[in-house]
C-alpha atoms as a PDB file:
ATOM      1  CA  ALA A   1     130.763  -2.094  21.757  1.00  0.00           C
ATOM      2  CA  PRO A   2     128.584  -3.503  19.009  1.00  0.00           C
ATOM      3  CA  SER A   3     125.753  -1.841  17.196  1.00  0.00           C
ATOM      4  CA  ALA A   4     122.905  -3.595  15.500  1.00  0.00           C
ATOM      5  CA  SER A   5     120.004  -2.642  13.270  1.00  0.00           C
ATOM      6  CA  ARG A   6     116.997  -4.692  12.258  1.00  0.00           C
ATOM      7  CA  VAL A   7     116.295  -4.813   8.535  1.00  0.00           C
ATOM      8  CA  GLN A   8     114.954  -7.253   5.955  1.00  0.00           C
ATOM      9  CA  VAL A   9     117.275  -8.299   3.149  1.00  0.00           C
ATOM     10  CA  GLY A  10     115.385  -7.933  -0.112  1.00  0.00           C
ATOM     11  CA  SER A  11     112.336  -6.571   1.699  1.00  0.00           C
ATOM     12  CA  PRO A  12     109.743  -4.716  -0.395  1.00  0.00           C
ATOM     13  CA  HIS A  13     108.379  -3.044   2.730  1.00  0.00           C
ATOM     14  CA  PRO A  14     109.364   0.231   4.427  1.00  0.00           C
ATOM     15  CA  LEU A  15     112.256  -0.162   6.821  1.00  0.00           C
ATOM     16  CA  VAL A  16     112.196   0.474  10.521  1.00  0.00           C
ATOM     17  CA  LEU A  17     115.776   0.288  11.707  1.00  0.00           C
ATOM     18  CA  PHE A  18     116.633  -0.420  15.311  1.00  0.00           C
ATOM     19  CA  ARG A  19     120.218   0.549  16.066  1.00  0.00           C
ATOM     20  CA  LEU A  20     122.068  -0.468  19.226  1.00  0.00           C
ATOM     21  CA  GLY A  21     125.033   1.900  19.180  1.00  0.00           C
ATOM     22  CA  HIS A  22     127.418   1.009  22.051  1.00  0.00           C
ATOM     23  CA  SER A  23     124.479  -0.836  23.605  1.00  0.00           C
ATOM     24  CA  ILE A  24     126.678  -3.606  24.965  1.00  0.00           C
ATOM     25  CA  LEU A  25     128.014  -1.137  27.498  1.00  0.00           C
ATOM     26  CA  GLY A  26     124.674   0.597  27.905  1.00  0.00           C
ATOM     27  CA  VAL A  27     126.077   3.826  26.448  1.00  0.00           C
ATOM     28  CA  ASP A  28     123.751   4.642  23.589  1.00  0.00           C
ATOM     29  CA  ARG A  29     120.937   2.747  21.892  1.00  0.00           C
ATOM     30  CA  ARG A  30     119.407   4.540  18.912  1.00  0.00           C
ATOM     31  CA  ALA A  31     116.546   3.739  16.613  1.00  0.00           C
ATOM     32  CA  ARG A  32     115.625   5.660  13.476  1.00  0.00           C
ATOM     33  CA  VAL A  33     113.412   5.628  10.404  1.00  0.00           C
ATOM     34  CA  PHE A  34     115.326   6.766   7.322  1.00  0.00           C
ATOM     35  CA  GLY A  35     113.142   8.809   4.995  1.00  0.00           C
ATOM     36  CA  MET A  36     110.486   6.138   4.472  1.00  0.00           C
ATOM     37  CA  ALA A  37     106.779   6.233   5.194  1.00  0.00           C
ATOM     38  CA  VAL A  38     105.667   3.810   7.906  1.00  0.00           C
ATOM     39  CA  ASP A  39     101.993   3.410   8.762  1.00  0.00           C
ATOM     40  CA  ASP A  40     102.518   2.044  12.255  1.00  0.00           C
ATOM     41  CA  ALA A  41     102.569   5.047  14.608  1.00  0.00           C
ATOM     42  CA  GLN A  42     104.042   2.956  17.405  1.00  0.00           C
ATOM     43  CA  ALA A  43     106.871   1.795  15.148  1.00  0.00           C
ATOM     44  CA  ILE A  44     107.675   5.393  14.270  1.00  0.00           C
ATOM     45  CA  LYS A  45     107.644   6.383  17.933  1.00  0.00           C
ATOM     46  CA  ALA A  46     109.957   3.508  18.852  1.00  0.00           C
ATOM     47  CA  ALA A  47     112.274   4.165  15.926  1.00  0.00           C
ATOM     48  CA  ARG A  48     112.747   7.801  16.927  1.00  0.00           C
ATOM     49  CA  ALA A  49     113.510   7.001  20.550  1.00  0.00           C
ATOM     50  CA  GLN A  50     117.043   7.104  21.909  1.00  0.00           C
ATOM     51  CA  PHE A  51     117.848   5.080  24.979  1.00  0.00           C
ATOM     52  CA  ALA A  52     120.427   2.782  26.506  1.00  0.00           C
ATOM     53  CA  ILE A  53     119.907  -0.771  27.600  1.00  0.00           C
ATOM     54  CA  PRO A  54     119.960  -0.379  31.396  1.00  0.00           C
ATOM     55  CA  ARG A  55     122.892  -2.140  32.988  1.00  0.00           C
ATOM     56  CA  GLU A  56     120.612  -4.282  35.138  1.00  0.00           C
ATOM     57  CA  ASP A  57     118.682  -5.455  32.053  1.00  0.00           C
ATOM     58  CA  LEU A  58     121.861  -6.163  30.129  1.00  0.00           C
ATOM     59  CA  ILE A  59     123.388  -8.192  32.946  1.00  0.00           C
ATOM     60  CA  LYS A  60     120.304 -10.445  32.923  1.00  0.00           C
ATOM     61  CA  VAL A  61     120.909 -11.562  29.337  1.00  0.00           C
ATOM     62  CA  LEU A  62     124.653 -12.137  29.631  1.00  0.00           C
ATOM     63  CA  SER A  63     125.830 -15.735  29.768  1.00  0.00           C
ATOM     64  CA  ARG A  64     128.809 -14.550  31.823  1.00  0.00           C
ATOM     65  CA  GLY A  65     128.018 -11.518  33.991  1.00  0.00           C
ATOM     66  CA  GLU A  66     131.689 -10.668  34.559  1.00  0.00           C
ATOM     67  CA  ASP A  67     132.031  -9.811  30.862  1.00  0.00           C
ATOM     68  CA  TYR A  68     130.393  -6.421  31.420  1.00  0.00           C
ATOM     69  CA  ASP A  69     133.074  -5.049  33.747  1.00  0.00           C
ATOM     70  CA  ASP A  70     135.892  -6.805  31.904  1.00  0.00           C
ATOM     71  CA  VAL A  71     134.918  -5.230  28.573  1.00  0.00           C
ATOM     72  CA  LEU A  72     134.252  -1.820  30.121  1.00  0.00           C
ATOM     73  CA  SER A  73     137.681  -1.685  31.751  1.00  0.00           C
ATOM     74  CA  VAL A  74     139.506  -2.658  28.549  1.00  0.00           C
ATOM     75  CA  CYS A  75     137.544  -0.160  26.433  1.00  0.00           C
ATOM     76  CA  ALA A  76     138.500   2.556  28.936  1.00  0.00           C
ATOM     77  CA  ARG A  77     142.132   1.456  28.791  1.00  0.00           C
ATOM     78  CA  ASN A  78     142.175   1.519  24.999  1.00  0.00           C
ATOM     79  CA  VAL A  79     140.396   4.879  24.543  1.00  0.00           C
ATOM     80  CA  LYS A  80     142.360   7.488  22.578  1.00  0.00           C
ATOM     81  CA  MET A  81     141.937  11.213  23.173  1.00  0.00           C
ATOM     82  CA  GLY A  82     141.399  13.400  20.098  1.00  0.00           C
ATOM     83  CA  PRO A  83     140.306  15.317  18.320  1.00  0.00           C
ATOM     84  CA  PHE A  84     139.757  12.808  15.515  1.00  0.00           C
ATOM     85  CA  THR A  85     137.848  13.039  12.245  1.00  0.00           C
ATOM     86  CA  ALA A  86     135.343  10.227  11.720  1.00  0.00           C
ATOM     87  CA  THR A  87     134.538   8.696   8.328  1.00  0.00           C
ATOM     88  CA  SER A  88     131.364  10.794   8.381  1.00  0.00           C
ATOM     89  CA  GLY A  89     133.446  13.968   8.694  1.00  0.00           C
ATOM     90  CA  LEU A  90     132.366  14.621  12.280  1.00  0.00           C
ATOM     91  CA  THR A  91     134.987  15.700  14.812  1.00  0.00           C
ATOM     92  CA  LEU A  92     135.286  13.317  17.752  1.00  0.00           C
ATOM     93  CA  GLU A  93     136.731  14.424  21.102  1.00  0.00           C
ATOM     94  CA  TYR A  94     137.822  10.869  21.832  1.00  0.00           C
ATOM     95  CA  LEU A  95     137.914   7.539  20.027  1.00  0.00           C
ATOM     96  CA  LEU A  96     136.740   4.178  21.336  1.00  0.00           C
ATOM     97  CA  ASN A  97     138.908   2.348  18.833  1.00  0.00           C
ATOM     98  CA  ALA A  98     136.787  -0.674  18.001  1.00  0.00           C
ATOM     99  CA  ALA A  99     139.535  -2.449  16.055  1.00  0.00           C
ATOM    100  CA  THR A 100     141.881  -2.136  19.042  1.00  0.00           C
ATOM    101  CA  ASN A 101     139.303  -3.636  21.399  1.00  0.00           C
ATOM    102  CA  MET A 102     138.115  -6.406  19.089  1.00  0.00           C
ATOM    103  CA  LEU A 103     141.696  -7.490  18.378  1.00  0.00           C
ATOM    104  CA  ASP A 104     142.762  -7.301  22.027  1.00  0.00           C
ATOM    105  CA  LYS A 105     143.242 -10.991  22.873  1.00  0.00           C
ATOM    106  CA  THR A 106     142.483 -10.344  26.547  1.00  0.00           C
ATOM    107  CA  VAL A 107     138.895  -9.284  25.827  1.00  0.00           C
ATOM    108  CA  ALA A 108     137.955 -10.185  22.224  1.00  0.00           C
ATOM    109  CA  SER A 109     136.128 -13.342  23.280  1.00  0.00           C
ATOM    110  CA  ALA A 110     134.185 -11.446  25.959  1.00  0.00           C
ATOM    111  CA  ILE A 111     133.066  -8.775  23.476  1.00  0.00           C
ATOM    112  CA  THR A 112     131.967 -11.464  21.032  1.00  0.00           C
ATOM    113  CA  ARG A 113     130.178 -13.472  23.710  1.00  0.00           C
ATOM    114  CA  MET A 114     128.277 -10.340  24.801  1.00  0.00           C
ATOM    115  CA  THR A 115     127.384  -9.564  21.186  1.00  0.00           C
ATOM    116  CA  LEU A 116     125.901 -13.036  20.753  1.00  0.00           C
ATOM    117  CA  ASP A 117     124.057 -12.709  24.082  1.00  0.00           C
ATOM    118  CA  VAL A 118     122.408  -9.468  22.969  1.00  0.00           C
ATOM    119  CA  ILE A 119     121.488 -10.803  19.528  1.00  0.00           C
ATOM    120  CA  ARG A 120     119.919 -13.883  21.109  1.00  0.00           C
ATOM    121  CA  ALA A 121     117.988 -11.847  23.685  1.00  0.00           C
ATOM    122  CA  TYR A 122     116.766  -8.992  21.476  1.00  0.00           C
ATOM    123  CA  PHE A 123     116.705 -10.253  17.890  1.00  0.00           C
ATOM    124  CA  ARG A 124     115.742 -13.924  17.946  1.00  0.00           C
ATOM    125  CA  PRO A 125     113.273 -14.453  15.070  1.00  0.00           C
ATOM    126  CA  ALA A 126     109.906 -16.183  15.252  1.00  0.00           C
ATOM    127  CA  GLU A 127     109.820 -19.974  15.325  1.00  0.00           C
ATOM    128  CA  GLY A 128     110.872 -21.431  11.975  1.00  0.00           C
ATOM    129  CA  LYS A 129     112.424 -18.158  10.755  1.00  0.00           C
ATOM    130  CA  ARG A 130     116.106 -17.429  10.231  1.00  0.00           C
ATOM    131  CA  LEU A 131     118.208 -14.376  11.002  1.00  0.00           C
ATOM    132  CA  LEU A 132     121.229 -12.998   9.164  1.00  0.00           C
ATOM    133  CA  VAL A 133     123.803 -11.097  11.210  1.00  0.00           C
ATOM    134  CA  VAL A 134     125.428  -8.798   8.642  1.00  0.00           C
ATOM    135  CA  GLY A 135     128.739  -7.084   9.422  1.00  0.00           C
ATOM    136  CA  MET A 136     129.579  -4.019   7.337  1.00  0.00           C
ATOM    137  CA  GLU A 137     133.087  -3.346   6.037  1.00  0.00           C
ATOM    138  CA  MET A 138     136.157  -3.834   8.238  1.00  0.00           C
ATOM    139  CA  ALA A 139     134.836  -3.493  11.788  1.00  0.00           C
ATOM    140  CA  GLY A 140     131.551  -5.256  11.150  1.00  0.00           C
ATOM    141  CA  GLY A 141     133.362  -7.949   9.177  1.00  0.00           C
ATOM    142  CA  VAL A 142     135.717  -8.633  12.080  1.00  0.00           C
ATOM    143  CA  MET A 143     132.736  -8.829  14.436  1.00  0.00           C
ATOM    144  CA  VAL A 144     130.685 -11.296  12.390  1.00  0.00           C
ATOM    145  CA  GLY A 145     133.784 -13.402  11.757  1.00  0.00           C
ATOM    146  CA  GLN A 146     134.394 -13.641  15.495  1.00  0.00           C
ATOM    147  CA  CYS A 147     130.707 -14.395  16.106  1.00  0.00           C
ATOM    148  CA  ALA A 148     130.740 -17.188  13.517  1.00  0.00           C
ATOM    149  CA  ALA A 149     133.807 -18.709  15.169  1.00  0.00           C
ATOM    150  CA  LEU A 150     132.584 -18.462  18.777  1.00  0.00           C
ATOM    151  CA  ALA A 151     128.879 -19.312  18.371  1.00  0.00           C
ATOM    152  CA  PRO A 152     129.461 -23.074  17.842  1.00  0.00           C
ATOM    153  CA  LEU A 153     131.362 -23.124  21.159  1.00  0.00           C
ATOM    154  CA  THR A 154     129.275 -20.853  23.383  1.00  0.00           C
ATOM    155  CA  HIS A 155     125.867 -20.337  21.708  1.00  0.00           C
ATOM    156  CA  LYS A 156     125.075 -23.623  19.974  1.00  0.00           C
ATOM    157  CA  ASP A 157     121.323 -22.948  20.141  1.00  0.00           C
ATOM    158  CA  MET A 158     121.778 -19.958  17.801  1.00  0.00           C
ATOM    159  CA  LEU A 159     123.133 -22.157  15.017  1.00  0.00           C
ATOM    160  CA  GLU A 160     119.593 -23.370  14.315  1.00  0.00           C
ATOM    161  CA  TRP A 161     118.347 -19.900  13.347  1.00  0.00           C
ATOM    162  CA  CYS A 162     121.340 -17.597  12.830  1.00  0.00           C
ATOM    163  CA  ASP A 163     123.853 -17.120  10.003  1.00  0.00           C
ATOM    164  CA  PHE A 164     126.720 -14.649   9.683  1.00  0.00           C
ATOM    165  CA  VAL A 165     127.403 -12.503   6.616  1.00  0.00           C
ATOM    166  CA  TYR A 166     130.126 -10.031   5.640  1.00  0.00           C
ATOM    167  CA  CYS A 167     129.198  -6.990   3.539  1.00  0.00           C
ATOM    168  CA  ARG A 168     132.002  -5.531   1.437  1.00  0.00           C
ATOM    169  CA  LYS A 169     132.300  -1.779   0.958  1.00  0.00           C
ATOM    170  CA  GLU A 170     131.676  -2.353  -2.751  1.00  0.00           C
ATOM    171  CA  LYS A 171     131.085  -5.282  -5.069  1.00  0.00           C
ATOM    172  CA  LYS A 172     134.076  -7.398  -6.026  1.00  0.00           C
ATOM    173  CA  LYS A 173     135.616  -6.576  -9.388  1.00  0.00           C
ATOM    174  CA  SER A 174     136.449 -10.245  -9.978  1.00  0.00           C
ATOM    175  CA  GLY A 175     135.106 -13.711  -9.298  1.00  0.00           C
ATOM    176  CA  THR A 176     131.443 -13.787  -8.311  1.00  0.00           C
ATOM    177  CA  GLY A 177     131.173  -9.995  -8.084  1.00  0.00           C
ATOM    178  CA  GLN A 178     129.471 -10.433  -4.718  1.00  0.00           C
ATOM    179  CA  GLN A 179     129.083  -7.689  -2.129  1.00  0.00           C
ATOM    180  CA  LEU A 180     127.567  -9.984   0.496  1.00  0.00           C
ATOM    181  CA  GLU A 181     129.770 -12.914   1.472  1.00  0.00           C
ATOM    182  CA  GLY A 182     128.566 -15.789   3.617  1.00  0.00           C
ATOM    183  CA  PRO A 183     127.068 -19.278   3.453  1.00  0.00           C
ATOM    184  CA  GLN A 184     126.352 -20.637  -0.010  1.00  0.00           C
ATOM    185  CA  PHE A 185     122.643 -19.831   0.141  1.00  0.00           C
ATOM    186  CA  ILE A 186     123.572 -16.148   0.573  1.00  0.00           C
ATOM    187  CA  VAL A 187     125.864 -15.886  -2.437  1.00  0.00           C
ATOM    188  CA  GLU A 188     123.266 -17.684  -4.564  1.00  0.00           C
ATOM    189  CA  ARG A 189     120.503 -15.166  -3.807  1.00  0.00           C
ATOM    190  CA  CYS A 190     118.858 -13.355  -6.723  1.00  0.00           C
ATOM    191  CA  PRO A 191     116.249 -10.566  -7.080  1.00  0.00           C
ATOM    192  CA  ASN A 192     113.468 -13.160  -6.846  1.00  0.00           C
ATOM    193  CA  SER A 193     114.718 -14.656  -3.580  1.00  0.00           C
ATOM    194  CA  PRO A 194     112.364 -14.265  -0.586  1.00  0.00           C
ATOM    195  CA  PRO A 195     113.130 -11.545   1.988  1.00  0.00           C
ATOM    196  CA  LEU A 196     115.209 -12.500   5.013  1.00  0.00           C
ATOM    197  CA  ASN A 197     115.323 -10.924   8.457  1.00  0.00           C
ATOM    198  CA  ALA A 198     118.702  -9.397   9.249  1.00  0.00           C
ATOM    199  CA  VAL A 199     120.591  -7.580  11.957  1.00  0.00           C
ATOM    200  CA  PHE A 200     123.089  -5.004  10.729  1.00  0.00           C
ATOM    201  CA  LEU A 201     126.123  -5.235  13.019  1.00  0.00           C
ATOM    202  CA  ASP A 202     128.679  -2.458  13.331  1.00  0.00           C
ATOM    203  CA  ASP A 203     131.051  -1.142  15.966  1.00  0.00           C
ATOM    204  CA  ALA A 204     129.759   2.413  16.470  1.00  0.00           C
ATOM    205  CA  LEU A 205     127.422   5.107  15.175  1.00  0.00           C
ATOM    206  CA  SER A 206     128.517   8.686  14.479  1.00  0.00           C
ATOM    207  CA  SER A 207     126.249  10.322  11.880  1.00  0.00           C
ATOM    208  CA  GLY A 208     124.250   7.247  10.811  1.00  0.00           C
ATOM    209  CA  GLY A 209     125.357   7.568   7.194  1.00  0.00           C
ATOM    210  CA  SER A 210     126.925   4.118   6.940  1.00  0.00           C
ATOM    211  CA  LEU A 211     123.870   2.590   8.605  1.00  0.00           C
ATOM    212  CA  ARG A 212     121.578   4.278   6.086  1.00  0.00           C
ATOM    213  CA  ASP A 213     123.686   3.184   3.116  1.00  0.00           C
ATOM    214  CA  GLY A 214     123.953  -0.353   4.426  1.00  0.00           C
ATOM    215  CA  ALA A 215     120.210  -0.606   5.025  1.00  0.00           C
ATOM    216  CA  VAL A 216     119.432   0.573   1.504  1.00  0.00           C
ATOM    217  CA  LEU A 217     121.905  -1.935   0.108  1.00  0.00           C
ATOM    218  CA  LEU A 218     120.432  -4.821   2.123  1.00  0.00           C
ATOM    219  CA  LYS A 219     116.889  -3.845   1.210  1.00  0.00           C
ATOM    220  CA  GLY A 220     117.698  -4.144  -2.481  1.00  0.00           C
ATOM    221  CA  ASP A 221     119.966  -7.192  -2.368  1.00  0.00           C
END
């Protein structure tokens, strides 16, 4: 189930990050402010809240309501019992293996369609603005790749304001030396380029460390 965080690429302003961890299934939606001063008291309050998207609210934004139960049943089928050690070092009692689910041909399109539905409903930018959907490392990269492939077929309206970007774990040692890969206007960005609104897309949230690192990277890129 996808996660997303709102951040500005190249933004000089403090970050308020809104994370939807497992929000597609209404399991856990988390929002946090990472060590940065924010003047807006309401933004701080919202960023510290932890809540799930209620099932009834989520169903309303889905283009195909049956996707909810289809995805839930496959995720339950693919769950692996632990204990497992996460990248963050935390011990997990069970593992919702995102790679297994996203590469399961019986449900991959449903997961991607739901991801696009949620992005369109919760993260659509203001008129005339654009949004980058940035997938981090392997899982996020698979997700944005699937979104880029499916959007022209199922969410054509999003093509007017949404682009999809892959963020490598580290900069390439050859070629362009890019860490962000995407449309040409992304790889041509420089320190003087204007800030862009972005959604940080990932499969799950354990400690929040990868989210923090990714947000710092995007803020400076």
